[in-house]
N, C-alpha and C. Protein backbone atom coordinates (compact mmCIF):
# COMPACT_ATOMS: atom_id res chain seq x y z
N MET A 1 -4.84 22.61 28.34
CA MET A 1 -4.14 21.36 28.52
C MET A 1 -2.79 21.71 28.39
N ALA A 2 -1.90 21.40 29.17
CA ALA A 2 -0.59 22.12 29.57
C ALA A 2 0.45 20.96 28.63
N TYR A 3 1.43 21.42 28.03
CA TYR A 3 2.45 20.87 27.13
C TYR A 3 3.66 21.05 27.40
N ALA A 4 4.80 20.15 26.98
CA ALA A 4 6.12 20.52 27.19
C ALA A 4 6.76 20.97 26.09
N TYR A 5 6.42 20.70 24.86
CA TYR A 5 6.40 21.51 23.81
C TYR A 5 5.61 21.50 22.79
N LEU A 6 5.75 22.74 21.45
CA LEU A 6 4.98 22.92 20.95
C LEU A 6 5.78 23.17 19.19
N PHE A 7 5.18 22.30 18.55
CA PHE A 7 5.81 21.87 17.03
C PHE A 7 4.82 22.97 16.28
N LYS A 8 5.42 23.45 15.15
CA LYS A 8 4.22 23.80 14.23
C LYS A 8 4.67 23.26 12.82
N TYR A 9 3.80 22.72 12.03
CA TYR A 9 4.20 22.06 10.89
C TYR A 9 3.10 23.09 9.70
N ILE A 10 3.62 23.14 8.70
CA ILE A 10 2.92 24.01 7.35
C ILE A 10 2.76 22.62 6.40
N ILE A 11 1.43 22.64 5.94
CA ILE A 11 1.21 21.47 4.92
C ILE A 11 1.11 22.55 3.30
N ILE A 12 2.05 22.60 2.30
CA ILE A 12 2.14 23.41 1.32
C ILE A 12 2.07 22.24 -0.03
N GLY A 13 1.47 22.78 -1.45
CA GLY A 13 1.48 22.00 -2.27
C GLY A 13 0.63 22.66 -3.22
N ASP A 14 -0.06 22.27 -4.63
CA ASP A 14 -1.08 22.62 -5.18
C ASP A 14 -2.44 22.58 -4.96
N THR A 15 -3.33 23.34 -5.45
CA THR A 15 -4.74 23.12 -4.76
C THR A 15 -5.09 21.97 -5.17
N GLY A 16 -6.05 21.51 -4.41
CA GLY A 16 -6.75 20.23 -4.87
C GLY A 16 -5.94 18.98 -4.32
N VAL A 17 -4.89 18.74 -3.92
CA VAL A 17 -4.02 17.43 -3.64
C VAL A 17 -4.37 16.93 -2.50
N GLY A 18 -5.52 17.44 -1.28
CA GLY A 18 -5.62 17.23 -0.16
C GLY A 18 -4.93 17.36 1.01
N LYS A 19 -4.56 18.72 0.73
CA LYS A 19 -3.94 19.39 2.07
C LYS A 19 -4.66 19.25 3.50
N SER A 20 -5.95 19.86 2.87
CA SER A 20 -6.93 20.24 3.65
C SER A 20 -7.86 18.77 4.71
N CYS A 21 -7.89 18.12 3.49
CA CYS A 21 -8.41 16.43 4.20
C CYS A 21 -7.25 15.83 4.69
N LEU A 22 -6.00 15.92 4.69
CA LEU A 22 -4.89 15.34 5.39
C LEU A 22 -5.02 16.31 6.72
N LEU A 23 -5.25 17.22 7.14
CA LEU A 23 -5.03 17.96 8.18
C LEU A 23 -6.52 17.76 9.20
N LEU A 24 -7.96 17.70 8.42
CA LEU A 24 -9.02 17.21 9.31
C LEU A 24 -8.82 15.84 9.72
N GLN A 25 -8.29 14.77 8.67
CA GLN A 25 -7.99 13.29 8.95
C GLN A 25 -6.98 13.16 10.01
N PHE A 26 -5.91 14.13 10.51
CA PHE A 26 -5.04 13.85 11.79
C PHE A 26 -5.46 14.52 13.21
N THR A 27 -6.25 15.64 12.67
CA THR A 27 -6.86 16.46 14.17
C THR A 27 -8.23 15.69 14.13
N ASP A 28 -9.02 15.62 13.63
CA ASP A 28 -10.40 15.12 13.67
C ASP A 28 -10.72 13.72 13.50
N LYS A 29 -9.89 12.68 13.08
CA LYS A 29 -10.13 11.39 12.51
C LYS A 29 -10.76 11.32 11.61
N ARG A 30 -11.07 12.29 10.57
CA ARG A 30 -12.51 11.92 9.49
C ARG A 30 -12.11 12.63 8.65
N PHE A 31 -12.91 12.22 6.85
CA PHE A 31 -12.41 12.83 6.14
C PHE A 31 -14.31 13.67 5.43
N GLN A 32 -13.69 14.49 5.15
CA GLN A 32 -14.66 15.35 4.16
C GLN A 32 -14.50 15.57 2.84
N PRO A 33 -15.37 14.64 1.73
CA PRO A 33 -15.59 14.19 0.30
C PRO A 33 -15.40 15.47 -0.23
N VAL A 34 -16.07 16.79 0.48
CA VAL A 34 -16.14 18.06 -0.27
C VAL A 34 -15.63 19.24 0.25
N HIS A 35 -14.68 20.01 -0.05
CA HIS A 35 -14.01 21.17 0.60
C HIS A 35 -13.94 22.20 0.09
N ASP A 36 -14.23 23.43 0.66
CA ASP A 36 -14.32 24.71 -0.17
C ASP A 36 -13.13 25.03 0.11
N LEU A 37 -12.28 26.12 -1.18
CA LEU A 37 -11.02 25.78 -1.18
C LEU A 37 -10.75 26.76 -0.31
N THR A 38 -9.25 26.80 0.27
CA THR A 38 -8.40 26.97 1.57
C THR A 38 -8.01 28.77 1.10
N ILE A 39 -8.87 29.33 2.05
CA ILE A 39 -8.62 31.17 1.56
C ILE A 39 -7.52 31.52 2.55
N GLY A 40 -6.37 31.75 1.75
CA GLY A 40 -5.22 31.95 2.76
C GLY A 40 -4.68 31.09 3.81
N VAL A 41 -4.83 31.00 5.04
CA VAL A 41 -4.56 29.96 5.92
C VAL A 41 -5.56 29.23 7.02
N GLU A 42 -5.39 27.72 6.90
CA GLU A 42 -6.43 27.50 8.04
C GLU A 42 -5.55 26.75 8.91
N PHE A 43 -5.75 26.33 9.92
CA PHE A 43 -5.16 25.62 11.31
C PHE A 43 -5.79 24.67 12.15
N GLY A 44 -5.14 23.70 12.87
CA GLY A 44 -5.43 23.02 13.41
C GLY A 44 -4.20 22.37 14.41
N ALA A 45 -4.88 21.78 15.33
CA ALA A 45 -4.00 21.27 16.43
C ALA A 45 -4.32 20.16 16.71
N ARG A 46 -2.95 19.06 17.55
CA ARG A 46 -3.64 17.65 18.28
C ARG A 46 -2.35 17.50 19.19
N MET A 47 -2.83 17.31 20.07
CA MET A 47 -1.80 17.00 21.47
C MET A 47 -1.38 15.37 20.93
N ILE A 48 -0.24 15.24 21.17
CA ILE A 48 0.30 13.72 20.82
C ILE A 48 1.37 13.36 22.33
N THR A 49 1.38 12.67 22.58
CA THR A 49 2.40 12.00 23.91
C THR A 49 3.74 11.19 23.28
N ILE A 50 5.25 11.87 23.20
CA ILE A 50 6.28 11.10 23.07
C ILE A 50 7.08 11.18 24.15
N ASP A 51 7.36 9.56 24.54
CA ASP A 51 8.40 9.63 25.58
C ASP A 51 7.86 10.37 26.85
N GLY A 52 6.43 10.05 26.91
CA GLY A 52 5.83 10.48 28.36
C GLY A 52 5.78 11.89 28.69
N LYS A 53 6.02 12.86 27.01
CA LYS A 53 5.75 14.27 27.34
C LYS A 53 4.84 14.67 26.42
N GLN A 54 3.90 15.30 27.02
CA GLN A 54 2.82 16.17 26.10
C GLN A 54 3.37 17.03 25.02
N ILE A 55 3.14 17.02 24.08
CA ILE A 55 3.59 17.87 22.79
C ILE A 55 2.40 18.10 21.76
N LYS A 56 2.29 19.71 21.69
CA LYS A 56 1.22 20.16 20.92
C LYS A 56 1.59 20.26 19.70
N LEU A 57 0.73 19.71 18.79
CA LEU A 57 1.34 20.24 17.12
C LEU A 57 0.31 21.09 16.85
N GLN A 58 0.92 22.48 15.99
CA GLN A 58 0.31 23.28 15.30
C GLN A 58 0.16 22.81 14.29
N ILE A 59 -0.55 22.63 12.96
CA ILE A 59 -0.49 22.38 11.65
C ILE A 59 -1.40 23.68 10.86
N TRP A 60 -0.45 23.93 10.06
CA TRP A 60 -1.11 25.20 9.17
C TRP A 60 -1.31 24.80 7.96
N ASP A 61 -2.15 24.92 7.42
CA ASP A 61 -2.66 24.65 6.06
C ASP A 61 -2.91 25.38 5.01
N THR A 62 -2.00 25.76 4.21
CA THR A 62 -2.18 26.59 2.95
C THR A 62 -2.29 26.95 2.29
N ALA A 63 -3.20 27.83 1.52
CA ALA A 63 -3.88 27.88 0.23
C ALA A 63 -2.75 27.27 -0.95
N GLY A 64 -3.52 26.56 -1.79
CA GLY A 64 -2.33 26.45 -3.03
C GLY A 64 -2.27 27.32 -4.07
N GLN A 65 -3.65 28.12 -4.30
CA GLN A 65 -3.58 29.25 -5.61
C GLN A 65 -2.11 29.86 -5.69
N GLU A 66 -1.60 30.25 -6.45
CA GLU A 66 -0.53 30.98 -6.93
C GLU A 66 -0.93 32.75 -6.00
N SER A 67 -2.20 32.83 -6.07
CA SER A 67 -2.53 34.31 -5.57
C SER A 67 -2.00 34.31 -4.20
N PHE A 68 -2.10 33.55 -3.36
CA PHE A 68 -2.37 33.26 -1.80
C PHE A 68 -0.56 33.02 -1.65
N ARG A 69 0.02 32.82 -2.23
CA ARG A 69 1.85 32.21 -2.64
C ARG A 69 2.09 33.42 -1.26
N SER A 70 2.15 34.66 -1.64
CA SER A 70 2.85 35.77 -0.64
C SER A 70 2.47 35.95 0.64
N ILE A 71 1.13 35.29 0.60
CA ILE A 71 0.27 35.32 2.39
C ILE A 71 1.18 34.25 3.14
N THR A 72 0.98 32.76 2.56
CA THR A 72 1.50 31.46 3.27
C THR A 72 2.94 31.75 3.41
N ARG A 73 3.73 32.38 2.87
CA ARG A 73 5.19 32.40 2.99
C ARG A 73 5.49 32.94 4.50
N SER A 74 4.47 34.05 4.98
CA SER A 74 4.93 34.24 6.35
C SER A 74 4.78 33.06 7.47
N TYR A 75 4.06 31.66 7.07
CA TYR A 75 3.77 30.83 7.83
C TYR A 75 4.82 29.92 7.90
N TYR A 76 5.96 30.04 7.21
CA TYR A 76 7.40 29.26 7.01
C TYR A 76 8.02 29.50 8.24
N ARG A 77 7.97 30.74 9.06
CA ARG A 77 8.68 30.98 9.98
C ARG A 77 8.13 30.43 11.58
N GLY A 78 9.19 29.93 12.06
CA GLY A 78 9.14 28.96 13.28
C GLY A 78 8.63 27.60 13.07
N ALA A 79 8.43 27.27 11.51
CA ALA A 79 7.98 26.17 11.71
C ALA A 79 9.08 24.57 11.55
N ALA A 80 8.85 23.71 12.55
CA ALA A 80 9.79 22.49 12.69
C ALA A 80 9.87 21.94 11.56
N GLY A 81 8.66 21.52 10.80
CA GLY A 81 8.14 20.57 9.65
C GLY A 81 7.37 20.99 8.42
N ALA A 82 7.52 20.55 7.39
CA ALA A 82 6.77 21.16 6.31
C ALA A 82 6.52 19.86 5.35
N LEU A 83 4.88 19.74 5.35
CA LEU A 83 4.46 18.61 4.38
C LEU A 83 4.18 19.00 3.23
N LEU A 84 5.20 18.55 2.20
CA LEU A 84 4.99 19.06 0.77
C LEU A 84 3.98 18.02 0.05
N VAL A 85 3.06 18.16 -0.60
CA VAL A 85 1.98 17.61 -1.10
C VAL A 85 1.76 17.52 -2.03
N TYR A 86 1.75 16.00 -2.85
CA TYR A 86 1.37 16.11 -4.40
C TYR A 86 0.36 15.15 -4.66
N ASP A 87 -0.52 14.96 -5.50
CA ASP A 87 -1.49 13.99 -5.75
C ASP A 87 -1.00 12.94 -6.90
N ILE A 88 -0.99 12.04 -6.25
CA ILE A 88 -0.87 10.98 -7.42
C ILE A 88 -1.57 10.61 -8.61
N THR A 89 -2.75 11.26 -8.37
CA THR A 89 -3.50 10.95 -9.74
C THR A 89 -3.29 12.12 -10.75
N ARG A 90 -2.65 13.10 -10.13
CA ARG A 90 -2.10 14.48 -11.25
C ARG A 90 -0.82 15.06 -11.58
N ARG A 91 -0.29 14.36 -12.56
CA ARG A 91 0.90 14.63 -12.82
C ARG A 91 1.34 16.05 -12.67
N ASP A 92 0.29 17.09 -12.97
CA ASP A 92 0.95 18.44 -12.98
C ASP A 92 1.17 19.04 -11.42
N THR A 93 0.79 18.17 -10.69
CA THR A 93 0.83 18.39 -8.89
C THR A 93 2.00 17.85 -8.68
N PHE A 94 2.76 16.97 -9.00
CA PHE A 94 4.33 16.55 -9.19
C PHE A 94 5.28 17.16 -9.70
N ASN A 95 4.83 17.89 -11.20
CA ASN A 95 5.84 19.12 -11.53
C ASN A 95 6.02 20.00 -11.10
N HIS A 96 5.17 20.46 -10.13
CA HIS A 96 5.06 21.96 -9.39
C HIS A 96 6.12 21.58 -8.23
N LEU A 97 6.30 20.59 -8.07
CA LEU A 97 6.97 20.19 -6.29
C LEU A 97 8.36 21.05 -6.50
N THR A 98 9.20 21.17 -7.59
CA THR A 98 10.69 22.03 -7.50
C THR A 98 10.31 23.49 -6.78
N THR A 99 9.48 24.03 -7.56
CA THR A 99 8.93 25.05 -7.13
C THR A 99 8.39 25.25 -5.66
N TRP A 100 7.69 24.69 -5.25
CA TRP A 100 7.34 24.56 -3.88
C TRP A 100 8.47 24.66 -3.05
N LEU A 101 9.33 23.42 -3.07
CA LEU A 101 10.45 23.27 -2.40
C LEU A 101 11.38 24.26 -2.29
N GLU A 102 11.28 24.86 -3.38
CA GLU A 102 12.58 26.07 -3.53
C GLU A 102 11.67 27.18 -2.45
N ASP A 103 10.80 27.59 -2.69
CA ASP A 103 9.69 28.72 -1.56
C ASP A 103 9.93 28.38 -0.43
N ALA A 104 9.68 26.73 -0.17
CA ALA A 104 9.80 26.47 1.38
C ALA A 104 11.61 26.45 1.80
N ARG A 105 12.32 26.11 1.04
CA ARG A 105 13.34 26.41 1.57
C ARG A 105 14.19 27.95 1.84
N GLN A 106 13.47 28.87 1.17
CA GLN A 106 14.22 29.84 0.93
C GLN A 106 13.31 31.00 2.07
N HIS A 107 12.09 30.17 2.35
CA HIS A 107 11.57 31.16 3.38
C HIS A 107 11.34 30.33 4.79
N SER A 108 11.96 29.18 5.27
CA SER A 108 11.95 28.67 6.55
C SER A 108 13.70 28.62 6.75
N ASN A 109 13.72 28.05 8.24
CA ASN A 109 14.93 28.02 8.76
C ASN A 109 15.94 26.65 8.28
N SER A 110 16.78 26.81 8.11
CA SER A 110 17.93 25.65 7.45
C SER A 110 17.50 24.19 7.79
N ASN A 111 16.85 24.13 9.81
CA ASN A 111 16.83 22.71 9.81
C ASN A 111 15.57 22.58 9.68
N MET A 112 14.35 22.94 9.22
CA MET A 112 13.59 22.55 9.49
C MET A 112 13.25 21.24 8.50
N VAL A 113 12.54 20.16 8.35
CA VAL A 113 12.10 18.85 8.42
C VAL A 113 11.42 19.20 6.89
N ILE A 114 11.63 18.61 6.20
CA ILE A 114 10.67 18.78 4.90
C ILE A 114 10.13 16.98 4.40
N MET A 115 9.04 16.74 4.29
CA MET A 115 8.88 15.61 4.25
C MET A 115 7.79 15.82 2.72
N LEU A 116 8.15 14.68 1.75
CA LEU A 116 7.06 14.78 0.80
C LEU A 116 6.62 13.80 0.75
N ILE A 117 4.89 13.94 0.19
CA ILE A 117 3.88 13.30 0.25
C ILE A 117 3.10 13.07 -0.61
N GLY A 118 2.97 11.97 -1.38
CA GLY A 118 2.25 11.72 -2.79
C GLY A 118 1.07 11.14 -2.03
N ASN A 119 -0.41 12.12 -2.11
CA ASN A 119 -1.57 11.86 -1.35
C ASN A 119 -2.68 11.18 -2.57
N LYS A 120 -3.52 10.49 -1.99
CA LYS A 120 -4.65 9.95 -2.46
C LYS A 120 -4.14 8.27 -2.87
N SER A 121 -3.31 7.56 -2.07
CA SER A 121 -3.23 6.42 -2.36
C SER A 121 -4.32 5.51 -2.52
N ASP A 122 -5.32 5.82 -2.33
CA ASP A 122 -6.79 5.05 -2.49
C ASP A 122 -7.00 4.88 -3.84
N LEU A 123 -6.42 5.56 -4.72
CA LEU A 123 -6.91 5.84 -6.32
C LEU A 123 -5.72 5.27 -6.95
N GLU A 124 -5.72 4.10 -6.77
CA GLU A 124 -4.48 3.59 -7.27
C GLU A 124 -4.79 3.01 -9.11
N SER A 125 -6.04 3.12 -9.47
CA SER A 125 -6.36 2.68 -10.68
C SER A 125 -6.33 3.88 -11.17
N ARG A 126 -6.25 5.34 -10.80
CA ARG A 126 -5.91 6.46 -11.58
C ARG A 126 -4.61 7.46 -11.27
N ARG A 127 -3.50 6.58 -10.64
CA ARG A 127 -2.46 6.72 -10.70
C ARG A 127 -1.64 7.11 -11.86
N GLU A 128 -1.31 8.61 -11.82
CA GLU A 128 -0.24 9.29 -12.88
C GLU A 128 0.93 9.18 -12.62
N VAL A 129 1.76 9.15 -11.10
CA VAL A 129 3.14 9.22 -10.92
C VAL A 129 3.52 8.24 -9.89
N LYS A 130 4.24 7.31 -10.47
CA LYS A 130 4.41 6.06 -9.86
C LYS A 130 5.28 6.37 -8.47
N LYS A 131 5.35 5.31 -7.90
CA LYS A 131 6.01 5.73 -6.11
C LYS A 131 7.12 5.85 -6.08
N GLU A 132 7.72 5.11 -7.08
CA GLU A 132 9.77 5.21 -7.23
C GLU A 132 9.69 6.86 -7.84
N GLU A 133 9.10 7.37 -8.84
CA GLU A 133 9.07 8.65 -8.81
C GLU A 133 9.17 9.55 -7.86
N GLY A 134 8.05 9.71 -6.77
CA GLY A 134 8.49 10.24 -5.41
C GLY A 134 9.28 10.00 -4.81
N GLU A 135 9.70 8.83 -4.66
CA GLU A 135 11.04 8.15 -3.59
C GLU A 135 12.54 8.80 -4.40
N ALA A 136 12.49 8.93 -5.97
CA ALA A 136 13.58 9.22 -6.49
C ALA A 136 13.59 10.98 -5.97
N PHE A 137 12.59 11.78 -5.92
CA PHE A 137 12.46 13.03 -6.09
C PHE A 137 12.93 13.44 -4.48
N ALA A 138 12.41 12.61 -3.39
CA ALA A 138 12.92 12.67 -2.38
C ALA A 138 14.20 12.60 -2.03
N ARG A 139 14.77 11.28 -2.57
CA ARG A 139 16.06 11.14 -2.46
C ARG A 139 17.20 12.02 -2.98
N GLU A 140 16.78 12.79 -4.06
CA GLU A 140 17.68 13.50 -4.82
C GLU A 140 17.54 15.09 -3.84
N HIS A 141 16.50 15.34 -2.91
CA HIS A 141 16.39 16.58 -2.51
C HIS A 141 16.61 16.41 -0.85
N GLY A 142 17.01 15.20 -0.53
CA GLY A 142 17.08 15.21 0.58
C GLY A 142 15.36 15.23 1.62
N LEU A 143 14.81 14.48 1.16
CA LEU A 143 13.35 14.85 1.90
C LEU A 143 13.08 13.24 2.42
N ILE A 144 12.30 12.87 3.55
CA ILE A 144 11.35 12.01 3.74
C ILE A 144 10.22 11.66 2.99
N PHE A 145 9.97 10.68 2.20
CA PHE A 145 8.84 10.46 1.74
C PHE A 145 8.04 9.49 1.91
N MET A 146 6.58 9.80 2.28
CA MET A 146 5.64 8.77 2.54
C MET A 146 4.59 8.99 1.47
N GLU A 147 3.69 7.84 1.01
CA GLU A 147 2.52 7.97 0.46
C GLU A 147 1.06 7.53 1.24
N THR A 148 0.22 8.48 1.05
CA THR A 148 -0.97 8.49 2.13
C THR A 148 -2.27 8.42 1.49
N SER A 149 -3.25 8.43 2.14
CA SER A 149 -4.45 8.41 1.83
C SER A 149 -5.38 9.08 2.63
N ALA A 150 -5.95 10.37 2.50
CA ALA A 150 -6.47 11.09 3.77
C ALA A 150 -7.81 10.48 3.45
N LYS A 151 -8.28 9.66 2.71
CA LYS A 151 -9.56 9.19 2.86
C LYS A 151 -9.97 7.87 3.68
N THR A 152 -8.80 7.06 3.09
CA THR A 152 -9.21 5.93 4.60
C THR A 152 -7.50 6.22 5.45
N ALA A 153 -7.32 7.16 5.50
CA ALA A 153 -6.51 7.41 6.96
C ALA A 153 -5.08 6.61 6.76
N SER A 154 -4.77 5.84 5.78
CA SER A 154 -3.84 5.22 5.35
C SER A 154 -2.01 6.10 5.67
N ASN A 155 -1.20 5.97 6.74
CA ASN A 155 -0.06 6.61 6.80
C ASN A 155 -0.38 8.06 7.41
N VAL A 156 -1.29 8.29 7.41
CA VAL A 156 -1.68 9.69 7.71
C VAL A 156 -0.77 10.20 9.33
N GLU A 157 -1.25 9.40 10.57
CA GLU A 157 -0.81 9.16 11.68
C GLU A 157 0.71 9.33 11.52
N GLU A 158 1.32 7.94 10.56
CA GLU A 158 3.04 8.09 10.54
C GLU A 158 3.54 9.14 10.06
N VAL A 159 2.86 9.78 8.87
CA VAL A 159 3.64 11.11 8.38
C VAL A 159 3.89 11.95 9.56
N ILE A 160 2.85 12.53 10.33
CA ILE A 160 3.34 13.52 11.06
C ILE A 160 4.27 12.88 12.54
N LEU A 161 4.13 11.71 12.70
CA LEU A 161 4.70 11.04 13.62
C LEU A 161 6.14 10.71 13.62
N SER A 162 6.46 10.52 12.32
CA SER A 162 7.51 10.29 11.71
C SER A 162 8.32 11.20 11.91
N ILE A 163 8.27 12.09 12.05
CA ILE A 163 9.29 13.30 12.16
C ILE A 163 10.20 13.43 13.50
N PHE A 164 9.25 12.80 14.33
CA PHE A 164 10.17 12.64 15.56
C PHE A 164 10.69 11.46 15.75
């Protein structure tokens, strides 16, 4: 299928925050509760229409383990946007955001849009990170912020499309 523009996104964050689930929900509109660990990088694509123009979105889902960090760094090149994901039910994933953000800013071009995503909003009863904390971190670092649920699809479309 022909397209007018191609945009590359990269999804980054700790292991187990729901990066692969967000990708699957956005590209296939489905949730898979059990996933193998991402080894290196996985890839998905979807066509969208903005202002009557076909746009192809390439979304690169990176492994969250430290051992793959050097491999995933090369995927920042040419990315129009990054989704920096943490799990609202795991404080440690929020605490690691600064490291991920430094990595993203060091290895990408300066005009890449970075969006902070607090995932697993369907697990409100297990929340360890308040929404206000995510908002404050985003404000402090000049990021767009949204909470999502890959399981219920809440805000998944909005996250990707809000960058346009």
